[in-house]
Amino acid sequence: MYNLVSFVARGSVRRKVLKGLIRPNSPTELAKSLGIARSAVSRTIQALEKVGLVECLTPDEKMSRYYRTTDIGRKVVDVIEENGKI
């Protein structure tokens, strides 16, 4: 699990996006709330999804997909928060 903690902790956008998806959100909404470009949020979500930290809740939708942090993703957020990185 600590390889995932390291992966997330190395990137400020990864940390913000992972924490921002604890509650389901779309990339567009998350980008607005975080003040980060939507393209950067979308790329980050794809990277986090690839390693199992984020899941798509609406995979059949072409637009307005919603994502959330997985159980392991929440554990990663907890570890990072304990270390004061988020």
PDB file of N, CA and C in Angstrom:
ATOM      1  N   MET A   1       0.809  -1.188   0.000  1.00  0.00           N
ATOM      2  CA  MET A   1       0.000   0.000   0.000  1.00  0.00           C
ATOM      3  C   MET A   1       0.857   1.259   0.000  1.00  0.00           C
ATOM      4  N   TYR A   2       2.032   1.206   0.603  1.00  0.00           N
ATOM      5  CA  TYR A   2       2.845   2.419   0.699  1.00  0.00           C
ATOM      6  C   TYR A   2       3.412   2.864  -0.642  1.00  0.00           C
ATOM      7  N   ASN A   3       3.442   1.957  -1.619  1.00  0.00           N
ATOM      8  CA  ASN A   3       3.819   2.405  -2.959  1.00  0.00           C
ATOM      9  C   ASN A   3       2.725   3.322  -3.521  1.00  0.00           C
ATOM     10  N   LEU A   4       1.470   3.054  -3.176  1.00  0.00           N
ATOM     11  CA  LEU A   4       0.368   3.919  -3.598  1.00  0.00           C
ATOM     12  C   LEU A   4       0.391   5.247  -2.836  1.00  0.00           C
ATOM     13  N   VAL A   5       0.723   5.191  -1.554  1.00  0.00           N
ATOM     14  CA  VAL A   5       0.848   6.416  -0.757  1.00  0.00           C
ATOM     15  C   VAL A   5       1.925   7.305  -1.373  1.00  0.00           C
ATOM     16  N   SER A   6       3.044   6.712  -1.719  1.00  0.00           N
ATOM     17  CA  SER A   6       4.140   7.461  -2.329  1.00  0.00           C
ATOM     18  C   SER A   6       3.718   8.052  -3.668  1.00  0.00           C
ATOM     19  N   PHE A   7       3.030   7.267  -4.489  1.00  0.00           N
ATOM     20  CA  PHE A   7       2.550   7.725  -5.796  1.00  0.00           C
ATOM     21  C   PHE A   7       1.664   8.962  -5.649  1.00  0.00           C
ATOM     22  N   VAL A   8       0.751   8.928  -4.709  1.00  0.00           N
ATOM     23  CA  VAL A   8      -0.169  10.055  -4.516  1.00  0.00           C
ATOM     24  C   VAL A   8       0.547  11.236  -3.876  1.00  0.00           C
ATOM     25  N   ALA A   9       1.364  10.982  -2.868  1.00  0.00           N
ATOM     26  CA  ALA A   9       2.027  12.057  -2.125  1.00  0.00           C
ATOM     27  C   ALA A   9       2.991  12.856  -2.997  1.00  0.00           C
ATOM     28  N   ARG A  10       3.526  12.236  -4.041  1.00  0.00           N
ATOM     29  CA  ARG A  10       4.481  12.925  -4.920  1.00  0.00           C
ATOM     30  C   ARG A  10       3.846  14.020  -5.764  1.00  0.00           C
ATOM     31  N   GLY A  11       2.529  13.993  -5.926  1.00  0.00           N
ATOM     32  CA  GLY A  11       1.886  14.972  -6.801  1.00  0.00           C
ATOM     33  C   GLY A  11       0.797  15.749  -6.088  1.00  0.00           C
ATOM     34  N   SER A  12       0.924  17.059  -6.098  1.00  0.00           N
ATOM     35  CA  SER A  12      -0.078  17.876  -5.402  1.00  0.00           C
ATOM     36  C   SER A  12      -1.455  17.745  -6.050  1.00  0.00           C
ATOM     37  N   VAL A  13      -1.512  17.629  -7.374  1.00  0.00           N
ATOM     38  CA  VAL A  13      -2.806  17.466  -8.044  1.00  0.00           C
ATOM     39  C   VAL A  13      -3.388  16.101  -7.694  1.00  0.00           C
ATOM     40  N   ARG A  14      -2.566  15.053  -7.651  1.00  0.00           N
ATOM     41  CA  ARG A  14      -3.065  13.721  -7.275  1.00  0.00           C
ATOM     42  C   ARG A  14      -3.649  13.750  -5.868  1.00  0.00           C
ATOM     43  N   ARG A  15      -2.966  14.418  -4.943  1.00  0.00           N
ATOM     44  CA  ARG A  15      -3.472  14.504  -3.563  1.00  0.00           C
ATOM     45  C   ARG A  15      -4.821  15.208  -3.535  1.00  0.00           C
ATOM     46  N   LYS A  16      -4.917  16.343  -4.212  1.00  0.00           N
ATOM     47  CA  LYS A  16      -6.163  17.125  -4.198  1.00  0.00           C
ATOM     48  C   LYS A  16      -7.309  16.367  -4.856  1.00  0.00           C
ATOM     49  N   VAL A  17      -7.046  15.747  -5.996  1.00  0.00           N
ATOM     50  CA  VAL A  17      -8.093  15.026  -6.720  1.00  0.00           C
ATOM     51  C   VAL A  17      -8.562  13.821  -5.917  1.00  0.00           C
ATOM     52  N   LEU A  18      -7.643  13.048  -5.365  1.00  0.00           N
ATOM     53  CA  LEU A  18      -8.028  11.868  -4.597  1.00  0.00           C
ATOM     54  C   LEU A  18      -8.893  12.263  -3.404  1.00  0.00           C
ATOM     55  N   LYS A  19      -8.483  13.290  -2.702  1.00  0.00           N
ATOM     56  CA  LYS A  19      -9.279  13.745  -1.552  1.00  0.00           C
ATOM     57  C   LYS A  19     -10.613  14.324  -2.026  1.00  0.00           C
ATOM     58  N   GLY A  20     -10.607  15.018  -3.141  1.00  0.00           N
ATOM     59  CA  GLY A  20     -11.833  15.610  -3.675  1.00  0.00           C
ATOM     60  C   GLY A  20     -12.859  14.598  -4.140  1.00  0.00           C
ATOM     61  N   LEU A  21     -12.416  13.379  -4.377  1.00  0.00           N
ATOM     62  CA  LEU A  21     -13.325  12.337  -4.842  1.00  0.00           C
ATOM     63  C   LEU A  21     -13.797  11.416  -3.716  1.00  0.00           C
ATOM     64  N   ILE A  22     -13.547  11.786  -2.484  1.00  0.00           N
ATOM     65  CA  ILE A  22     -14.092  10.992  -1.378  1.00  0.00           C
ATOM     66  C   ILE A  22     -15.622  10.992  -1.495  1.00  0.00           C
ATOM     67  N   ARG A  23     -16.175  12.127  -1.915  1.00  0.00           N
ATOM     68  CA  ARG A  23     -17.599  12.184  -2.266  1.00  0.00           C
ATOM     69  C   ARG A  23     -17.672  12.179  -3.785  1.00  0.00           C
ATOM     70  N   PRO A  24     -18.618  11.449  -4.374  1.00  0.00           N
ATOM     71  CA  PRO A  24     -18.700  11.374  -5.842  1.00  0.00           C
ATOM     72  C   PRO A  24     -18.736  12.763  -6.484  1.00  0.00           C
ATOM     73  N   ASN A  25     -18.014  12.862  -7.594  1.00  0.00           N
ATOM     74  CA  ASN A  25     -17.892  14.141  -8.281  1.00  0.00           C
ATOM     75  C   ASN A  25     -17.549  13.890  -9.737  1.00  0.00           C
ATOM     76  N   SER A  26     -17.850  14.864 -10.588  1.00  0.00           N
ATOM     77  CA  SER A  26     -17.446  14.782 -11.992  1.00  0.00           C
ATOM     78  C   SER A  26     -16.144  15.565 -12.153  1.00  0.00           C
ATOM     79  N   PRO A  27     -15.372  15.259 -13.186  1.00  0.00           N
ATOM     80  CA  PRO A  27     -14.127  16.000 -13.418  1.00  0.00           C
ATOM     81  C   PRO A  27     -14.349  17.505 -13.558  1.00  0.00           C
ATOM     82  N   THR A  28     -15.418  17.895 -14.233  1.00  0.00           N
ATOM     83  CA  THR A  28     -15.696  19.317 -14.434  1.00  0.00           C
ATOM     84  C   THR A  28     -15.982  20.019 -13.111  1.00  0.00           C
ATOM     85  N   GLU A  29     -16.842  19.423 -12.298  1.00  0.00           N
ATOM     86  CA  GLU A  29     -17.178  20.009 -11.001  1.00  0.00           C
ATOM     87  C   GLU A  29     -15.960  20.064 -10.089  1.00  0.00           C
ATOM     88  N   LEU A  30     -15.179  18.988 -10.108  1.00  0.00           N
ATOM     89  CA  LEU A  30     -13.989  18.936  -9.256  1.00  0.00           C
ATOM     90  C   LEU A  30     -12.967  19.982  -9.691  1.00  0.00           C
ATOM     91  N   ALA A  31     -12.789  20.128 -10.996  1.00  0.00           N
ATOM     92  CA  ALA A  31     -11.845  21.128 -11.509  1.00  0.00           C
ATOM     93  C   ALA A  31     -12.238  22.528 -11.055  1.00  0.00           C
ATOM     94  N   LYS A  32     -13.531  22.831 -11.128  1.00  0.00           N
ATOM     95  CA  LYS A  32     -14.010  24.146 -10.691  1.00  0.00           C
ATOM     96  C   LYS A  32     -13.757  24.352  -9.196  1.00  0.00           C
ATOM     97  N   SER A  33     -14.070  23.359  -8.397  1.00  0.00           N
ATOM     98  CA  SER A  33     -13.927  23.520  -6.946  1.00  0.00           C
ATOM     99  C   SER A  33     -12.459  23.585  -6.510  1.00  0.00           C
ATOM    100  N   LEU A  34     -11.575  22.915  -7.244  1.00  0.00           N
ATOM    101  CA  LEU A  34     -10.155  22.909  -6.887  1.00  0.00           C
ATOM    102  C   LEU A  34      -9.360  24.026  -7.569  1.00  0.00           C
ATOM    103  N   GLY A  35      -9.942  24.642  -8.594  1.00  0.00           N
ATOM    104  CA  GLY A  35      -9.222  25.666  -9.337  1.00  0.00           C
ATOM    105  C   GLY A  35      -8.093  25.096 -10.176  1.00  0.00           C
ATOM    106  N   ILE A  36      -8.326  23.899 -10.721  1.00  0.00           N
ATOM    107  CA  ILE A  36      -7.344  23.198 -11.555  1.00  0.00           C
ATOM    108  C   ILE A  36      -7.993  22.968 -12.918  1.00  0.00           C
ATOM    109  N   ALA A  37      -7.197  23.004 -13.984  1.00  0.00           N
ATOM    110  CA  ALA A  37      -7.724  22.778 -15.335  1.00  0.00           C
ATOM    111  C   ALA A  37      -8.408  21.418 -15.420  1.00  0.00           C
ATOM    112  N   ARG A  38      -9.546  21.381 -16.109  1.00  0.00           N
ATOM    113  CA  ARG A  38     -10.294  20.134 -16.231  1.00  0.00           C
ATOM    114  C   ARG A  38      -9.461  19.040 -16.882  1.00  0.00           C
ATOM    115  N   SER A  39      -8.639  19.404 -17.857  1.00  0.00           N
ATOM    116  CA  SER A  39      -7.805  18.398 -18.521  1.00  0.00           C
ATOM    117  C   SER A  39      -6.830  17.759 -17.534  1.00  0.00           C
ATOM    118  N   ALA A  40      -6.277  18.556 -16.628  1.00  0.00           N
ATOM    119  CA  ALA A  40      -5.357  18.017 -15.620  1.00  0.00           C
ATOM    120  C   ALA A  40      -6.097  17.103 -14.653  1.00  0.00           C
ATOM    121  N   VAL A  41      -7.300  17.486 -14.279  1.00  0.00           N
ATOM    122  CA  VAL A  41      -8.108  16.649 -13.379  1.00  0.00           C
ATOM    123  C   VAL A  41      -8.452  15.335 -14.071  1.00  0.00           C
ATOM    124  N   SER A  42      -8.854  15.397 -15.333  1.00  0.00           N
ATOM    125  CA  SER A  42      -9.209  14.183 -16.074  1.00  0.00           C
ATOM    126  C   SER A  42      -8.018  13.236 -16.207  1.00  0.00           C
ATOM    127  N   ARG A  43      -6.850  13.777 -16.537  1.00  0.00           N
ATOM    128  CA  ARG A  43      -5.637  12.942 -16.640  1.00  0.00           C
ATOM    129  C   ARG A  43      -5.306  12.302 -15.301  1.00  0.00           C
ATOM    130  N   THR A  44      -5.461  13.070 -14.247  1.00  0.00           N
ATOM    131  CA  THR A  44      -5.156  12.567 -12.907  1.00  0.00           C
ATOM    132  C   THR A  44      -6.131  11.475 -12.506  1.00  0.00           C
ATOM    133  N   ILE A  45      -7.402  11.669 -12.800  1.00  0.00           N
ATOM    134  CA  ILE A  45      -8.400  10.638 -12.495  1.00  0.00           C
ATOM    135  C   ILE A  45      -8.062   9.349 -13.236  1.00  0.00           C
ATOM    136  N   GLN A  46      -7.676   9.453 -14.501  1.00  0.00           N
ATOM    137  CA  GLN A  46      -7.308   8.257 -15.269  1.00  0.00           C
ATOM    138  C   GLN A  46      -6.128   7.534 -14.617  1.00  0.00           C
ATOM    139  N   ALA A  47      -5.133   8.286 -14.174  1.00  0.00           N
ATOM    140  CA  ALA A  47      -3.964   7.676 -13.533  1.00  0.00           C
ATOM    141  C   ALA A  47      -4.351   7.011 -12.219  1.00  0.00           C
ATOM    142  N   LEU A  48      -5.197   7.673 -11.438  1.00  0.00           N
ATOM    143  CA  LEU A  48      -5.633   7.113 -10.158  1.00  0.00           C
ATOM    144  C   LEU A  48      -6.534   5.897 -10.356  1.00  0.00           C
ATOM    145  N   GLU A  49      -7.341   5.929 -11.398  1.00  0.00           N
ATOM    146  CA  GLU A  49      -8.217   4.790 -11.705  1.00  0.00           C
ATOM    147  C   GLU A  49      -7.384   3.583 -12.131  1.00  0.00           C
ATOM    148  N   LYS A  50      -6.343   3.830 -12.888  1.00  0.00           N
ATOM    149  CA  LYS A  50      -5.479   2.752 -13.382  1.00  0.00           C
ATOM    150  C   LYS A  50      -4.833   1.961 -12.248  1.00  0.00           C
ATOM    151  N   VAL A  51      -4.520   2.637 -11.136  1.00  0.00           N
ATOM    152  CA  VAL A  51      -3.880   1.950 -10.003  1.00  0.00           C
ATOM    153  C   VAL A  51      -4.888   1.548  -8.926  1.00  0.00           C
ATOM    154  N   GLY A  52      -6.194   1.740  -9.196  1.00  0.00           N
ATOM    155  CA  GLY A  52      -7.227   1.249  -8.297  1.00  0.00           C
ATOM    156  C   GLY A  52      -7.612   2.162  -7.152  1.00  0.00           C
ATOM    157  N   LEU A  53      -7.260   3.437  -7.240  1.00  0.00           N
ATOM    158  CA  LEU A  53      -7.585   4.364  -6.153  1.00  0.00           C
ATOM    159  C   LEU A  53      -8.892   5.108  -6.384  1.00  0.00           C
ATOM    160  N   VAL A  54      -9.366   5.101  -7.622  1.00  0.00           N
ATOM    161  CA  VAL A  54     -10.590   5.806  -8.009  1.00  0.00           C
ATOM    162  C   VAL A  54     -11.399   4.869  -8.893  1.00  0.00           C
ATOM    163  N   GLU A  55     -12.738   4.969  -8.783  1.00  0.00           N
ATOM    164  CA  GLU A  55     -13.608   4.169  -9.645  1.00  0.00           C
ATOM    165  C   GLU A  55     -14.664   5.054 -10.277  1.00  0.00           C
ATOM    166  N   CYS A  56     -15.068   4.676 -11.476  1.00  0.00           N
ATOM    167  CA  CYS A  56     -16.123   5.395 -12.187  1.00  0.00           C
ATOM    168  C   CYS A  56     -17.462   4.812 -11.762  1.00  0.00           C
ATOM    169  N   LEU A  57     -18.382   5.684 -11.373  1.00  0.00           N
ATOM    170  CA  LEU A  57     -19.711   5.251 -10.949  1.00  0.00           C
ATOM    171  C   LEU A  57     -20.700   5.197 -12.107  1.00  0.00           C
ATOM    172  N   THR A  58     -20.359   5.852 -13.215  1.00  0.00           N
ATOM    173  CA  THR A  58     -21.253   5.917 -14.379  1.00  0.00           C
ATOM    174  C   THR A  58     -20.489   5.562 -15.659  1.00  0.00           C
ATOM    175  N   PRO A  59     -19.945   4.353 -15.744  1.00  0.00           N
ATOM    176  CA  PRO A  59     -19.080   4.012 -16.883  1.00  0.00           C
ATOM    177  C   PRO A  59     -19.776   4.003 -18.242  1.00  0.00           C
ATOM    178  N   ASP A  60     -21.097   3.866 -18.266  1.00  0.00           N
ATOM    179  CA  ASP A  60     -21.813   3.832 -19.544  1.00  0.00           C
ATOM    180  C   ASP A  60     -22.123   5.217 -20.094  1.00  0.00           C
ATOM    181  N   GLU A  61     -21.896   6.237 -19.310  1.00  0.00           N
ATOM    182  CA  GLU A  61     -22.148   7.608 -19.748  1.00  0.00           C
ATOM    183  C   GLU A  61     -20.966   8.115 -20.588  1.00  0.00           C
ATOM    184  N   LYS A  62     -21.276   8.867 -21.634  1.00  0.00           N
ATOM    185  CA  LYS A  62     -20.218   9.456 -22.464  1.00  0.00           C
ATOM    186  C   LYS A  62     -19.751  10.787 -21.873  1.00  0.00           C
ATOM    187  N   MET A  63     -20.668  11.494 -21.224  1.00  0.00           N
ATOM    188  CA  MET A  63     -20.352  12.785 -20.617  1.00  0.00           C
ATOM    189  C   MET A  63     -20.876  12.776 -19.179  1.00  0.00           C
ATOM    190  N   SER A  64     -20.361  13.690 -18.387  1.00  0.00           N
ATOM    191  CA  SER A  64     -20.789  13.835 -16.993  1.00  0.00           C
ATOM    192  C   SER A  64     -20.621  12.545 -16.199  1.00  0.00           C
ATOM    193  N   ARG A  65     -19.492  11.899 -16.379  1.00  0.00           N
ATOM    194  CA  ARG A  65     -19.200  10.712 -15.578  1.00  0.00           C
ATOM    195  C   ARG A  65     -18.889  11.137 -14.155  1.00  0.00           C
ATOM    196  N   TYR A  66     -19.272  10.287 -13.219  1.00  0.00           N
ATOM    197  CA  TYR A  66     -18.985  10.549 -11.812  1.00  0.00           C
ATOM    198  C   TYR A  66     -18.009   9.501 -11.298  1.00  0.00           C
ATOM    199  N   TYR A  67     -17.084   9.977 -10.481  1.00  0.00           N
ATOM    200  CA  TYR A  67     -16.029   9.139  -9.921  1.00  0.00           C
ATOM    201  C   TYR A  67     -16.020   9.292  -8.409  1.00  0.00           C
ATOM    202  N   ARG A  68     -15.442   8.289  -7.754  1.00  0.00           N
ATOM    203  CA  ARG A  68     -15.219   8.399  -6.314  1.00  0.00           C
ATOM    204  C   ARG A  68     -13.978   7.593  -5.941  1.00  0.00           C
ATOM    205  N   THR A  69     -13.460   7.913  -4.779  1.00  0.00           N
ATOM    206  CA  THR A  69     -12.305   7.210  -4.234  1.00  0.00           C
ATOM    207  C   THR A  69     -12.734   5.816  -3.789  1.00  0.00           C
ATOM    208  N   THR A  70     -11.916   4.808  -4.082  1.00  0.00           N
ATOM    209  CA  THR A  70     -12.198   3.440  -3.631  1.00  0.00           C
ATOM    210  C   THR A  70     -11.829   3.300  -2.153  1.00  0.00           C
ATOM    211  N   ASP A  71     -12.115   2.138  -1.591  1.00  0.00           N
ATOM    212  CA  ASP A  71     -11.760   1.889  -0.183  1.00  0.00           C
ATOM    213  C   ASP A  71     -10.253   2.037   0.041  1.00  0.00           C
ATOM    214  N   ILE A  72      -9.449   1.474  -0.848  1.00  0.00           N
ATOM    215  CA  ILE A  72      -7.996   1.597  -0.700  1.00  0.00           C
ATOM    216  C   ILE A  72      -7.570   3.046  -0.900  1.00  0.00           C
ATOM    217  N   GLY A  73      -8.260   3.755  -1.788  1.00  0.00           N
ATOM    218  CA  GLY A  73      -7.970   5.174  -1.992  1.00  0.00           C
ATOM    219  C   GLY A  73      -8.223   5.983  -0.728  1.00  0.00           C
ATOM    220  N   ARG A  74      -9.304   5.653  -0.008  1.00  0.00           N
ATOM    221  CA  ARG A  74      -9.592   6.351   1.258  1.00  0.00           C
ATOM    222  C   ARG A  74      -8.517   6.045   2.299  1.00  0.00           C
ATOM    223  N   LYS A  75      -8.024   4.817   2.308  1.00  0.00           N
ATOM    224  CA  LYS A  75      -6.949   4.474   3.242  1.00  0.00           C
ATOM    225  C   LYS A  75      -5.682   5.264   2.910  1.00  0.00           C
ATOM    226  N   VAL A  76      -5.398   5.426   1.631  1.00  0.00           N
ATOM    227  CA  VAL A  76      -4.235   6.217   1.197  1.00  0.00           C
ATOM    228  C   VAL A  76      -4.405   7.663   1.654  1.00  0.00           C
ATOM    229  N   VAL A  77      -5.595   8.229   1.475  1.00  0.00           N
ATOM    230  CA  VAL A  77      -5.861   9.599   1.934  1.00  0.00           C
ATOM    231  C   VAL A  77      -5.629   9.700   3.439  1.00  0.00           C
ATOM    232  N   ASP A  78      -6.111   8.718   4.197  1.00  0.00           N
ATOM    233  CA  ASP A  78      -5.932   8.732   5.657  1.00  0.00           C
ATOM    234  C   ASP A  78      -4.460   8.734   6.048  1.00  0.00           C
ATOM    235  N   VAL A  79      -3.655   7.902   5.387  1.00  0.00           N
ATOM    236  CA  VAL A  79      -2.224   7.826   5.693  1.00  0.00           C
ATOM    237  C   VAL A  79      -1.545   9.166   5.379  1.00  0.00           C
ATOM    238  N   ILE A  80      -1.880   9.736   4.232  1.00  0.00           N
ATOM    239  CA  ILE A  80      -1.269  11.004   3.834  1.00  0.00           C
ATOM    240  C   ILE A  80      -1.687  12.116   4.785  1.00  0.00           C
ATOM    241  N   GLU A  81      -2.955  12.134   5.178  1.00  0.00           N
ATOM    242  CA  GLU A  81      -3.424  13.151   6.129  1.00  0.00           C
ATOM    243  C   GLU A  81      -2.729  13.025   7.471  1.00  0.00           C
ATOM    244  N   GLU A  82      -2.499  11.791   7.917  1.00  0.00           N
ATOM    245  CA  GLU A  82      -1.797  11.550   9.183  1.00  0.00           C
ATOM    246  C   GLU A  82      -0.387  12.145   9.128  1.00  0.00           C
ATOM    247  N   ASN A  83       0.209  12.121   7.941  1.00  0.00           N
ATOM    248  CA  ASN A  83       1.567  12.647   7.779  1.00  0.00           C
ATOM    249  C   ASN A  83       1.572  14.129   7.428  1.00  0.00           C
ATOM    250  N   GLY A  84       0.389  14.754   7.382  1.00  0.00           N
ATOM    251  CA  GLY A  84       0.293  16.182   7.139  1.00  0.00           C
ATOM    252  C   GLY A  84       0.557  16.623   5.716  1.00  0.00           C
ATOM    253  N   LYS A  85       0.346  15.751   4.738  1.00  0.00           N
ATOM    254  CA  LYS A  85       0.627  16.094   3.339  1.00  0.00           C
ATOM    255  C   LYS A  85      -0.592  16.643   2.604  1.00  0.00           C
ATOM    256  N   ILE A  86      -1.787  16.460   3.175  1.00  0.00           N
ATOM    257  CA  ILE A  86      -3.004  16.970   2.506  1.00  0.00           C
ATOM    258  C   ILE A  86      -3.559  18.072   3.382  1.00  0.00           C
TER     259      ILE A  86
END
